[in-house]
């Protein structure tokens, strides 16, 4: 939970949420879970009461509980209920720490494989009101394993899981699983346009959000490979007129590629004000180029959309090509990605889905049009299909876009993120014992994930025209259960 007390579970693996729908018939938790008992303390009693009210999901009852037992959070009722809707509630798995006024437990989302550590503190004096509650992601304990399935079992489980998510209005989009470069499962679900009842298909183009950071990173590594860019060179070598000279002299290409440059984000009040005026990458530089560094470059990992905007400007200045032309000619073309691009939002794009977002739990879906930028940037915002993402994954693994050395450099983790490592535009992490690399993307009305798992030879591509974690929920369910070999 964030410091302001909003109960919110945030997955640090590329900042994504992971409510997944379990297939209980395929994933049993054993006797450990059923035997978990709470201690007889004020903190445990309050936790038990909170968990019961939270899991019920009844607005009136939960509001009454907060007002009586957690009054400092009563005003955040809608945020709590939205969290309840995404997670399905929690089941207690383990007690980790207990005193009369503090309890730390491991819980699991009811519609997910995801574990979390929940820490609750209460007032020592009666009626022992809840003072604070913190929910953070946790590694799944070894005594609660998710079983690897055979390929046929995985396909059956995926089909059942996605159908359940669709029925629960948790998913609309497309799902693809491939092995050794060829699709073994590919299906589309739900509506691309709810108003006109147009269904999603495998040809539907979904907005991919930050997933196209992978394309930007490949573009930079292509320029490195050709000797035109140096990874340890300062930004100012390629952007000599950059407004903030400290940024230009201290931040290197490596820093930008790994989110360690301290260059900050693009979203916030300034973006909201100028959203439709940002037509080119240079427009972002004009808006943010005088901004100071958040920290000394290299000191920490901090996800930076603006850093990848700057990498797009480097591509333009070095190649003498427009960024969008460069990735189309040097990445999409060689990979055979004929349905991927980044046309402005006011331009008609055949088969591009409408994105749908909810503001609160139980609310109605509305289009995300008032959140979209004028055009996607080198940091994110383009569109693609699950079939094109497989073509990209194949091109990466077959070294069609970079030589073998630079492909490994691109996809191998270099800095810790708190739940995995980040390479150059690719996350590098272990999912239930299997190493995978790729990237997620998410924003209101859009969500996607690409996981390339070279050991067992699987690729998972999922795209959705709904809020996160619609696609990530599906991709992680698949990745957790894929065969080990």
Protein backbone atom coordinates (compact mmCIF):
# COMPACT_ATOMS: atom_id res chain seq x y z
CA UNK A 1 0.00 0.00 0.00
CA UNK A 2 1.22 3.48 -0.72
CA UNK A 3 2.03 5.82 2.14
CA UNK A 4 -1.31 7.61 1.84
CA UNK A 5 -3.00 4.41 2.91
CA UNK A 6 -4.75 3.46 -0.31
CA UNK A 7 -4.95 -0.32 -0.35
CA UNK A 8 -3.35 -1.13 -3.67
CA UNK A 9 -1.24 -4.07 -4.77
CA UNK A 10 1.37 -3.08 -7.33
CA UNK A 11 3.52 -5.64 -9.07
CA UNK A 12 7.03 -4.33 -9.44
CA UNK A 13 7.75 -6.65 -12.33
CA UNK A 14 7.63 -3.73 -14.80
CA UNK A 15 5.02 -2.05 -12.60
CA UNK A 16 2.14 -4.29 -13.36
CA UNK A 17 -0.84 -5.64 -11.46
CA UNK A 18 -1.40 -9.38 -11.40
CA UNK A 19 -4.95 -10.43 -10.59
CA UNK A 20 -5.15 -13.84 -12.31
CA UNK A 21 -8.08 -16.25 -12.39
CA UNK A 22 -7.10 -19.60 -10.89
CA UNK A 23 -8.27 -22.90 -12.24
CA UNK A 24 -8.81 -24.62 -8.93
CA UNK A 25 -9.08 -27.98 -10.61
CA UNK A 26 -5.52 -27.58 -11.85
CA UNK A 27 -3.94 -25.73 -8.93
CA UNK A 28 -4.39 -27.13 -5.46
CA UNK A 29 -2.93 -25.44 -2.44
CA UNK A 30 -2.52 -28.51 -0.25
CA UNK A 31 -3.12 -28.77 3.46
CA UNK A 32 -0.95 -25.82 4.51
CA UNK A 33 -3.47 -23.18 3.48
CA UNK A 34 -6.47 -24.81 5.13
CA UNK A 35 -4.63 -25.20 8.44
CA UNK A 36 -3.62 -21.54 8.77
CA UNK A 37 -4.94 -20.08 12.00
CA UNK A 38 -4.81 -16.57 13.36
CA UNK A 39 -3.48 -15.78 16.85
CA UNK A 40 -5.79 -14.45 19.56
CA UNK A 41 -4.71 -10.78 19.49
CA UNK A 42 -6.44 -7.43 18.86
CA UNK A 43 -4.54 -7.03 15.59
CA UNK A 44 -5.54 -10.47 14.37
CA UNK A 45 -9.18 -9.89 15.32
CA UNK A 46 -9.26 -6.67 13.34
CA UNK A 47 -7.58 -8.31 10.37
CA UNK A 48 -10.10 -11.14 10.41
CA UNK A 49 -13.00 -8.67 10.51
CA UNK A 50 -11.48 -6.55 7.74
CA UNK A 51 -10.83 -9.58 5.55
CA UNK A 52 -14.41 -10.78 5.91
CA UNK A 53 -15.83 -7.35 5.03
CA UNK A 54 -13.40 -6.82 2.17
CA UNK A 55 -14.02 -10.25 0.65
CA UNK A 56 -17.79 -9.82 0.75
CA UNK A 57 -17.47 -6.80 -1.53
CA UNK A 58 -20.74 -5.34 -0.25
CA UNK A 59 -20.46 -1.57 -0.54
CA UNK A 60 -22.70 -0.71 2.39
CA UNK A 61 -21.18 -3.27 4.74
CA UNK A 62 -17.61 -2.38 3.84
CA UNK A 63 -18.31 1.33 4.22
CA UNK A 64 -19.73 0.69 7.70
CA UNK A 65 -16.64 -1.35 8.61
CA UNK A 66 -14.26 1.42 7.53
CA UNK A 67 -16.18 4.12 9.35
CA UNK A 68 -16.15 2.10 12.57
CA UNK A 69 -12.75 0.41 12.47
CA UNK A 70 -10.56 2.27 9.96
CA UNK A 71 -11.99 5.81 9.95
CA UNK A 72 -8.91 7.41 8.40
CA UNK A 73 -9.61 5.46 5.22
CA UNK A 74 -13.39 5.75 5.02
CA UNK A 75 -13.16 8.43 2.32
CA UNK A 76 -11.26 6.02 0.08
CA UNK A 77 -14.10 3.53 -0.16
CA UNK A 78 -14.20 3.53 -3.96
CA UNK A 79 -10.47 2.86 -4.24
CA UNK A 80 -10.73 -0.06 -1.83
CA UNK A 81 -13.67 -1.55 -3.72
CA UNK A 82 -11.90 -1.13 -7.04
CA UNK A 83 -9.00 -3.08 -5.57
CA UNK A 84 -11.44 -5.73 -4.35
CA UNK A 85 -12.88 -6.02 -7.86
CA UNK A 86 -9.44 -6.54 -9.41
CA UNK A 87 -8.24 -9.10 -6.88
CA UNK A 88 -11.45 -10.95 -6.06
CA UNK A 89 -10.52 -10.61 -2.40
CA UNK A 90 -7.82 -12.45 -0.43
CA UNK A 91 -7.30 -15.81 1.22
CA UNK A 92 -5.02 -16.09 4.25
CA UNK A 93 -2.01 -18.32 3.63
CA UNK A 94 0.55 -17.72 6.39
CA UNK A 95 1.11 -15.68 9.55
CA UNK A 96 4.59 -14.19 9.42
CA UNK A 97 4.71 -11.85 12.40
CA UNK A 98 2.41 -11.27 15.35
CA UNK A 99 2.26 -8.95 18.37
CA UNK A 100 -0.84 -7.69 20.16
CA UNK A 101 -0.94 -4.56 17.97
CA UNK A 102 0.70 -5.72 14.76
CA UNK A 103 0.09 -8.56 12.34
CA UNK A 104 1.94 -9.47 9.16
CA UNK A 105 0.49 -12.21 6.98
CA UNK A 106 0.85 -13.69 3.54
CA UNK A 107 -2.36 -13.61 1.54
CA UNK A 108 -3.23 -14.68 -1.98
CA UNK A 109 -5.58 -13.01 -4.40
CA UNK A 110 -8.68 -15.15 -4.85
CA UNK A 111 -8.60 -14.78 -8.63
CA UNK A 112 -4.84 -14.96 -8.92
CA UNK A 113 -1.59 -16.78 -8.36
CA UNK A 114 -0.28 -13.59 -6.80
CA UNK A 115 0.83 -13.49 -3.16
CA UNK A 116 1.11 -10.37 -1.05
CA UNK A 117 2.36 -9.43 2.38
CA UNK A 118 -0.28 -7.57 4.36
CA UNK A 119 0.82 -5.72 7.48
CA UNK A 120 -1.78 -4.25 9.81
CA UNK A 121 -1.30 -2.17 12.96
CA UNK A 122 -3.98 -1.29 15.47
CA UNK A 123 -4.35 1.11 18.37
CA UNK A 124 -3.26 -0.45 21.67
CA UNK A 125 -6.32 1.02 23.37
CA UNK A 126 -9.81 -0.30 22.85
CA UNK A 127 -11.63 -0.48 20.48
CA UNK A 128 -8.29 -1.15 18.73
CA UNK A 129 -9.00 0.85 15.58
CA UNK A 130 -6.83 0.09 12.59
CA UNK A 131 -4.05 2.68 12.33
CA UNK A 132 -2.39 1.50 9.14
CA UNK A 133 -2.46 -1.23 6.56
CA UNK A 134 0.20 -1.95 3.98
CA UNK A 135 -0.08 -4.43 1.10
CA UNK A 136 3.01 -5.24 -0.93
CA UNK A 137 3.73 -7.98 -3.44
CA UNK A 138 5.52 -11.07 -2.21
CA UNK A 139 7.27 -14.03 -3.78
CA UNK A 140 5.18 -17.16 -3.87
CA UNK A 141 6.38 -19.47 -1.06
CA UNK A 142 7.86 -22.77 -2.14
CA UNK A 143 5.22 -24.66 -0.17
CA UNK A 144 2.52 -23.21 -2.45
CA UNK A 145 3.80 -24.27 -5.87
CA UNK A 146 1.97 -23.69 -9.15
CA UNK A 147 2.21 -26.95 -11.11
CA UNK A 148 3.71 -26.96 -14.60
CA UNK A 149 1.29 -28.47 -17.10
CA UNK A 150 1.75 -30.48 -20.23
CA UNK A 151 1.22 -28.56 -23.45
CA UNK A 152 -2.23 -30.00 -24.01
CA UNK A 153 -3.19 -29.26 -20.40
CA UNK A 154 -1.86 -25.71 -20.77
CA UNK A 155 -3.97 -25.08 -23.85
CA UNK A 156 -7.08 -26.45 -22.15
CA UNK A 157 -6.41 -24.45 -18.98
CA UNK A 158 -5.78 -21.25 -20.94
CA UNK A 159 -9.00 -21.67 -22.89
CA UNK A 160 -10.98 -22.21 -19.69
CA UNK A 161 -9.27 -19.37 -17.82
CA UNK A 162 -9.82 -16.81 -20.58
CA UNK A 163 -13.43 -17.85 -21.07
CA UNK A 164 -13.97 -17.30 -17.35
CA UNK A 165 -12.29 -13.89 -17.49
CA UNK A 166 -14.45 -12.92 -20.46
CA UNK A 167 -17.60 -14.05 -18.64
CA UNK A 168 -16.56 -11.97 -15.62
CA UNK A 169 -15.92 -8.94 -17.91
CA UNK A 170 -12.22 -9.05 -17.03
CA UNK A 171 -10.89 -9.63 -20.53
CA UNK A 172 -11.44 -8.63 -24.14
CA UNK A 173 -8.58 -9.02 -26.58
CA UNK A 174 -6.39 -11.66 -28.21
CA UNK A 175 -4.19 -14.44 -26.85
CA UNK A 176 -1.37 -16.30 -28.60
CA UNK A 177 0.91 -19.06 -27.35
CA UNK A 178 3.72 -20.27 -29.61
CA UNK A 179 6.33 -22.97 -29.31
CA UNK A 180 9.48 -23.05 -31.39
CA UNK A 181 8.23 -20.10 -33.42
CA UNK A 182 4.81 -21.46 -34.35
CA UNK A 183 1.45 -20.69 -32.77
CA UNK A 184 -0.15 -23.54 -30.84
CA UNK A 185 -2.99 -21.45 -29.40
CA UNK A 186 -4.46 -18.24 -30.81
CA UNK A 187 -7.90 -16.89 -30.05
CA UNK A 188 -9.66 -13.53 -29.89
CA UNK A 189 -12.40 -12.58 -27.46
CA UNK A 190 -14.87 -9.80 -26.79
CA UNK A 191 -15.56 -6.64 -28.71
CA UNK A 192 -13.15 -4.29 -30.44
CA UNK A 193 -15.94 -1.69 -30.59
CA UNK A 194 -18.77 -2.07 -28.08
CA UNK A 195 -20.95 0.62 -29.63
CA UNK A 196 -20.93 -0.98 -33.08
CA UNK A 197 -20.66 -4.59 -31.84
CA UNK A 198 -17.45 -5.25 -33.78
CA UNK A 199 -15.67 -8.35 -32.41
CA UNK A 200 -11.99 -8.64 -31.68
CA UNK A 201 -10.10 -10.91 -34.10
CA UNK A 202 -6.51 -12.03 -34.47
CA UNK A 203 -6.12 -9.17 -36.96
CA UNK A 204 -7.31 -6.55 -34.46
CA UNK A 205 -4.72 -3.91 -33.70
CA UNK A 206 -4.45 -3.11 -30.01
CA UNK A 207 -2.62 -0.21 -28.44
CA UNK A 208 0.48 -1.64 -26.79
CA UNK A 209 1.53 1.14 -24.43
CA UNK A 210 5.11 0.73 -23.22
CA UNK A 211 5.68 -2.49 -25.13
CA UNK A 212 7.21 -0.53 -27.99
CA UNK A 213 10.11 0.40 -25.74
CA UNK A 214 11.42 -2.91 -27.06
CA UNK A 215 11.38 -1.50 -30.60
CA UNK A 216 13.15 1.68 -29.51
CA UNK A 217 15.84 -0.33 -27.71
CA UNK A 218 16.39 -2.49 -30.80
CA UNK A 219 16.77 0.68 -32.89
CA UNK A 220 19.44 2.02 -30.52
CA UNK A 221 21.32 -1.29 -30.47
CA UNK A 222 21.25 -1.37 -34.28
CA UNK A 223 22.97 2.02 -34.26
CA UNK A 224 25.43 0.71 -31.67
CA UNK A 225 26.11 -2.31 -33.84
CA UNK A 226 26.83 -0.08 -36.85
CA UNK A 227 29.27 2.02 -34.79
CA UNK A 228 27.12 5.16 -34.83
CA UNK A 229 26.21 5.20 -31.12
CA UNK A 230 28.22 4.30 -28.02
CA UNK A 231 26.43 2.90 -24.98
CA UNK A 232 28.63 4.84 -22.56
CA UNK A 233 28.46 8.09 -24.50
CA UNK A 234 26.66 11.02 -22.87
CA UNK A 235 23.32 12.12 -24.26
CA UNK A 236 24.83 15.47 -25.24
CA UNK A 237 27.03 13.83 -27.86
CA UNK A 238 23.91 13.11 -29.91
CA UNK A 239 21.73 15.98 -28.66
CA UNK A 240 24.27 18.84 -28.46
CA UNK A 241 21.55 21.47 -28.07
CA UNK A 242 19.76 19.74 -25.20
CA UNK A 243 18.55 22.49 -22.81
CA UNK A 244 19.72 21.04 -19.48
CA UNK A 245 23.49 20.72 -19.78
CA UNK A 246 23.83 18.60 -16.64
CA UNK A 247 21.47 16.01 -18.12
CA UNK A 248 23.31 16.17 -21.44
CA UNK A 249 26.72 15.62 -19.85
CA UNK A 250 25.90 13.09 -17.11
CA UNK A 251 23.23 10.81 -18.59
CA UNK A 252 24.52 8.10 -20.91
CA UNK A 253 22.74 5.95 -23.49
CA UNK A 254 23.15 3.01 -21.10
CA UNK A 255 21.41 4.98 -18.36
CA UNK A 256 18.47 5.77 -20.63
CA UNK A 257 18.11 2.18 -21.83
CA UNK A 258 18.09 0.83 -18.27
CA UNK A 259 15.92 3.53 -16.60
CA UNK A 260 18.80 4.61 -14.39
CA UNK A 261 19.29 8.13 -15.76
CA UNK A 262 17.06 10.03 -13.35
CA UNK A 263 15.20 11.65 -16.27
CA UNK A 264 11.71 11.20 -14.84
CA UNK A 265 8.32 10.58 -16.38
CA UNK A 266 6.24 12.42 -18.95
CA UNK A 267 2.87 11.97 -17.25
CA UNK A 268 1.39 14.47 -14.85
CA UNK A 269 -0.26 17.91 -14.92
CA UNK A 270 2.00 19.23 -17.72
CA UNK A 271 1.20 16.27 -19.93
CA UNK A 272 -2.52 16.59 -19.21
CA UNK A 273 -2.41 20.26 -20.19
CA UNK A 274 -0.42 19.76 -23.40
CA UNK A 275 -1.48 16.20 -24.31
CA UNK A 276 -2.82 17.03 -27.77
CA UNK A 277 -0.05 19.50 -28.57
CA UNK A 278 2.73 16.91 -28.34
CA UNK A 279 2.97 15.92 -32.01
CA UNK A 280 6.68 15.11 -32.28
CA UNK A 281 9.43 13.82 -30.02
CA UNK A 282 10.97 17.28 -30.09
CA UNK A 283 7.76 18.67 -28.62
CA UNK A 284 8.42 16.56 -25.51
CA UNK A 285 11.96 17.92 -25.29
CA UNK A 286 10.63 21.47 -25.50
CA UNK A 287 8.26 20.72 -22.62
CA UNK A 288 10.60 18.75 -20.34
CA UNK A 289 14.12 19.52 -21.57
CA UNK A 290 14.94 22.09 -18.88
CA UNK A 291 13.87 19.82 -16.05
CA UNK A 292 16.45 18.85 -13.43
CA UNK A 293 17.59 15.29 -12.76
CA UNK A 294 15.68 13.32 -10.13
CA UNK A 295 18.90 11.68 -8.91
CA UNK A 296 22.49 11.18 -9.92
CA UNK A 297 22.59 8.97 -13.04
CA UNK A 298 23.31 5.33 -12.22
CA UNK A 299 22.32 5.66 -8.57
CA UNK A 300 19.04 3.74 -8.84
CA UNK A 301 16.41 2.20 -11.10
CA UNK A 302 13.42 4.43 -11.72
CA UNK A 303 11.12 3.76 -14.68
CA UNK A 304 11.43 6.71 -17.04
CA UNK A 305 9.16 7.21 -20.02
CA UNK A 306 10.95 10.44 -20.78
CA UNK A 307 14.25 8.57 -21.02
CA UNK A 308 12.85 6.53 -23.89
CA UNK A 309 11.50 9.66 -25.56
CA UNK A 310 15.09 10.91 -25.53
CA UNK A 311 16.29 7.64 -27.05
CA UNK A 312 13.84 8.21 -29.89
CA UNK A 313 15.36 11.66 -30.47
CA UNK A 314 18.80 10.04 -30.53
CA UNK A 315 17.55 7.63 -33.22
CA UNK A 316 16.32 10.58 -35.27
CA UNK A 317 19.49 12.66 -34.90
CA UNK A 318 21.87 9.80 -35.65
CA UNK A 319 19.96 8.06 -38.45
CA UNK A 320 18.69 11.28 -40.03
CA UNK A 321 15.32 9.56 -40.27
CA UNK A 322 12.04 10.25 -38.56
CA UNK A 323 11.70 7.85 -35.62
CA UNK A 324 8.51 6.31 -36.99
CA UNK A 325 10.07 5.79 -40.41
CA UNK A 326 13.15 4.23 -38.85
CA UNK A 327 11.35 1.56 -36.83
CA UNK A 328 9.06 0.79 -39.76
CA UNK A 329 11.96 0.28 -42.18
CA UNK A 330 14.53 -1.31 -39.86
CA UNK A 331 12.39 -3.31 -37.42
CA UNK A 332 8.80 -3.86 -38.55
CA UNK A 333 9.77 -4.50 -42.17
CA UNK A 334 12.57 -7.05 -41.59
CA UNK A 335 10.44 -8.84 -38.98
CA UNK A 336 7.39 -8.96 -41.25
CA UNK A 337 5.25 -6.92 -38.85
CA UNK A 338 2.76 -5.51 -41.32
CA UNK A 339 0.08 -4.56 -38.78
CA UNK A 340 2.26 -2.59 -36.33
CA UNK A 341 2.64 1.18 -36.31
CA UNK A 342 1.99 4.41 -34.49
CA UNK A 343 -0.30 6.59 -36.57
CA UNK A 344 -1.87 9.62 -34.86
CA UNK A 345 -5.08 8.97 -32.99
CA UNK A 346 -7.08 11.27 -35.28
CA UNK A 347 -6.13 9.16 -38.31
CA UNK A 348 -8.25 6.18 -39.37
CA UNK A 349 -6.43 2.90 -38.83
CA UNK A 350 -8.19 -0.21 -40.08
CA UNK A 351 -8.89 -2.82 -37.40
CA UNK A 352 -7.66 -0.62 -34.52
CA UNK A 353 -9.72 -1.43 -31.44
CA UNK A 354 -11.41 1.05 -29.16
CA UNK A 355 -10.00 1.10 -25.65
CA UNK A 356 -12.35 0.88 -22.67
CA UNK A 357 -11.70 2.02 -19.12
CA UNK A 358 -13.51 2.13 -15.79
CA UNK A 359 -13.17 4.91 -13.25
CA UNK A 360 -14.41 2.92 -10.26
CA UNK A 361 -15.57 -0.49 -9.11
CA UNK A 362 -18.98 -1.39 -10.47
CA UNK A 363 -18.83 1.52 -12.91
CA UNK A 364 -19.58 1.33 -16.61
CA UNK A 365 -17.02 1.05 -19.37
CA UNK A 366 -16.23 4.21 -21.32
CA UNK A 367 -13.80 4.88 -24.14
CA UNK A 368 -10.29 6.02 -23.26
CA UNK A 369 -10.19 8.67 -25.99
CA UNK A 370 -9.76 11.55 -23.53
CA UNK A 371 -6.57 9.97 -22.11
CA UNK A 372 -4.75 9.26 -25.38
CA UNK A 373 -1.83 11.33 -26.63
CA UNK A 374 -1.91 12.83 -30.12
CA UNK A 375 0.43 10.05 -31.20
CA UNK A 376 2.45 7.30 -29.60
CA UNK A 377 6.10 8.07 -28.94
CA UNK A 378 9.34 6.11 -28.66
CA UNK A 379 8.33 5.51 -25.03
CA UNK A 380 5.02 3.88 -25.90
CA UNK A 381 1.62 4.25 -27.45
CA UNK A 382 1.76 2.45 -30.79
CA UNK A 383 -0.38 -0.51 -31.84
CA UNK A 384 0.19 -4.09 -32.89
CA UNK A 385 -1.39 -7.55 -33.11
CA UNK A 386 -0.54 -10.75 -31.28
CA UNK A 387 0.57 -12.25 -34.60
CA UNK A 388 2.99 -9.36 -35.21
CA UNK A 389 4.36 -9.70 -31.68
CA UNK A 390 5.17 -13.34 -32.42
CA UNK A 391 6.94 -12.24 -35.60
CA UNK A 392 8.96 -9.76 -33.54
CA UNK A 393 9.82 -12.43 -30.97
CA UNK A 394 10.94 -14.79 -33.74
CA UNK A 395 13.06 -12.06 -35.32
CA UNK A 396 14.73 -11.41 -31.95
CA UNK A 397 15.43 -15.08 -31.28
CA UNK A 398 16.64 -15.72 -34.82
CA UNK A 399 18.98 -12.67 -34.69
CA UNK A 400 17.29 -11.05 -37.70
CA UNK A 401 17.37 -7.57 -36.17
CA UNK A 402 20.70 -7.74 -34.32
CA UNK A 403 23.64 -10.10 -34.25
CA UNK A 404 23.72 -12.77 -31.55
CA UNK A 405 26.02 -10.79 -29.25
CA UNK A 406 23.89 -7.66 -29.32
CA UNK A 407 20.64 -9.62 -29.02
CA UNK A 408 21.96 -11.10 -25.78
CA UNK A 409 23.12 -7.65 -24.67
CA UNK A 410 19.65 -6.29 -25.42
CA UNK A 411 17.68 -8.90 -23.51
CA UNK A 412 19.90 -9.70 -20.52
CA UNK A 413 19.06 -7.95 -17.26
CA UNK A 414 21.50 -5.34 -15.98
CA UNK A 415 19.82 -3.63 -13.03
CA UNK A 416 17.54 -4.91 -10.29
CA UNK A 417 13.97 -3.64 -10.35
CA UNK A 418 12.84 -5.23 -7.10
CA UNK A 419 11.20 -8.18 -8.86
CA UNK A 420 13.53 -9.11 -11.66
CA UNK A 421 16.08 -7.30 -13.75
CA UNK A 422 15.89 -4.81 -16.61
CA UNK A 423 18.06 -5.03 -19.70
CA UNK A 424 17.87 -2.64 -22.62
CA UNK A 425 14.16 -2.11 -23.16
CA UNK A 426 13.42 -5.67 -22.03
CA UNK A 427 12.51 -7.02 -18.62
CA UNK A 428 14.43 -10.16 -17.68
CA UNK A 429 12.80 -12.28 -15.00
CA UNK A 430 12.10 -15.79 -13.77
CA UNK A 431 8.51 -16.99 -13.81
CA UNK A 432 7.95 -20.17 -11.79
CA UNK A 433 11.47 -21.33 -12.50
CA UNK A 434 11.53 -20.33 -16.17
CA UNK A 435 13.55 -17.40 -17.48
CA UNK A 436 11.58 -15.11 -19.78
CA UNK A 437 12.22 -11.69 -21.26
CA UNK A 438 9.88 -9.16 -22.84
CA UNK A 439 7.85 -6.11 -21.89
CA UNK A 440 4.42 -5.08 -20.72
CA UNK A 441 2.32 -2.07 -21.56
CA UNK A 442 -0.60 -0.57 -19.73
CA UNK A 443 -2.71 2.58 -19.51
CA UNK A 444 -6.42 3.31 -19.27
CA UNK A 445 -8.19 1.10 -21.80
CA UNK A 446 -5.10 -0.83 -22.94
CA UNK A 447 -2.91 -3.64 -21.66
CA UNK A 448 -0.44 -6.04 -23.21
CA UNK A 449 2.43 -8.38 -22.49
CA UNK A 450 5.03 -10.26 -24.51
CA UNK A 451 7.00 -13.03 -22.82
CA UNK A 452 9.81 -14.79 -24.71
CA UNK A 453 10.97 -17.89 -22.82
CA UNK A 454 13.91 -19.42 -24.73
CA UNK A 455 14.53 -22.42 -22.44
CA UNK A 456 11.29 -24.29 -23.13
CA UNK A 457 10.87 -22.46 -26.45
CA UNK A 458 7.59 -20.68 -25.67
CA UNK A 459 6.35 -17.21 -26.58
CA UNK A 460 3.25 -15.70 -24.99
CA UNK A 461 1.60 -12.61 -26.49
CA UNK A 462 -1.56 -11.13 -25.03
CA UNK A 463 -3.24 -7.84 -25.92
CA UNK A 464 -6.42 -6.31 -24.48
CA UNK A 465 -8.50 -3.21 -25.09
CA UNK A 466 -9.34 -2.93 -21.39
CA UNK A 467 -7.64 -1.56 -18.29
CA UNK A 468 -4.70 -3.41 -16.75
CA UNK A 469 -4.34 -6.14 -15.64
CA UNK A 470 -6.61 -7.72 -18.28
CA UNK A 471 -3.81 -8.95 -20.56
CA UNK A 472 -1.15 -9.41 -17.91
CA UNK A 473 -3.51 -11.62 -15.91
CA UNK A 474 -3.72 -14.01 -18.84
CA UNK A 475 -0.04 -13.95 -19.82
CA UNK A 476 1.16 -14.61 -16.28
CA UNK A 477 -1.33 -17.45 -15.85
CA UNK A 478 0.12 -19.06 -18.97
CA UNK A 479 3.77 -18.39 -18.12
CA UNK A 480 3.35 -19.79 -14.61
CA UNK A 481 2.04 -23.09 -15.98
CA UNK A 482 3.97 -23.65 -19.20
CA UNK A 483 5.96 -26.89 -19.50
CA UNK A 484 9.50 -26.63 -18.16
CA UNK A 485 10.98 -28.25 -21.29
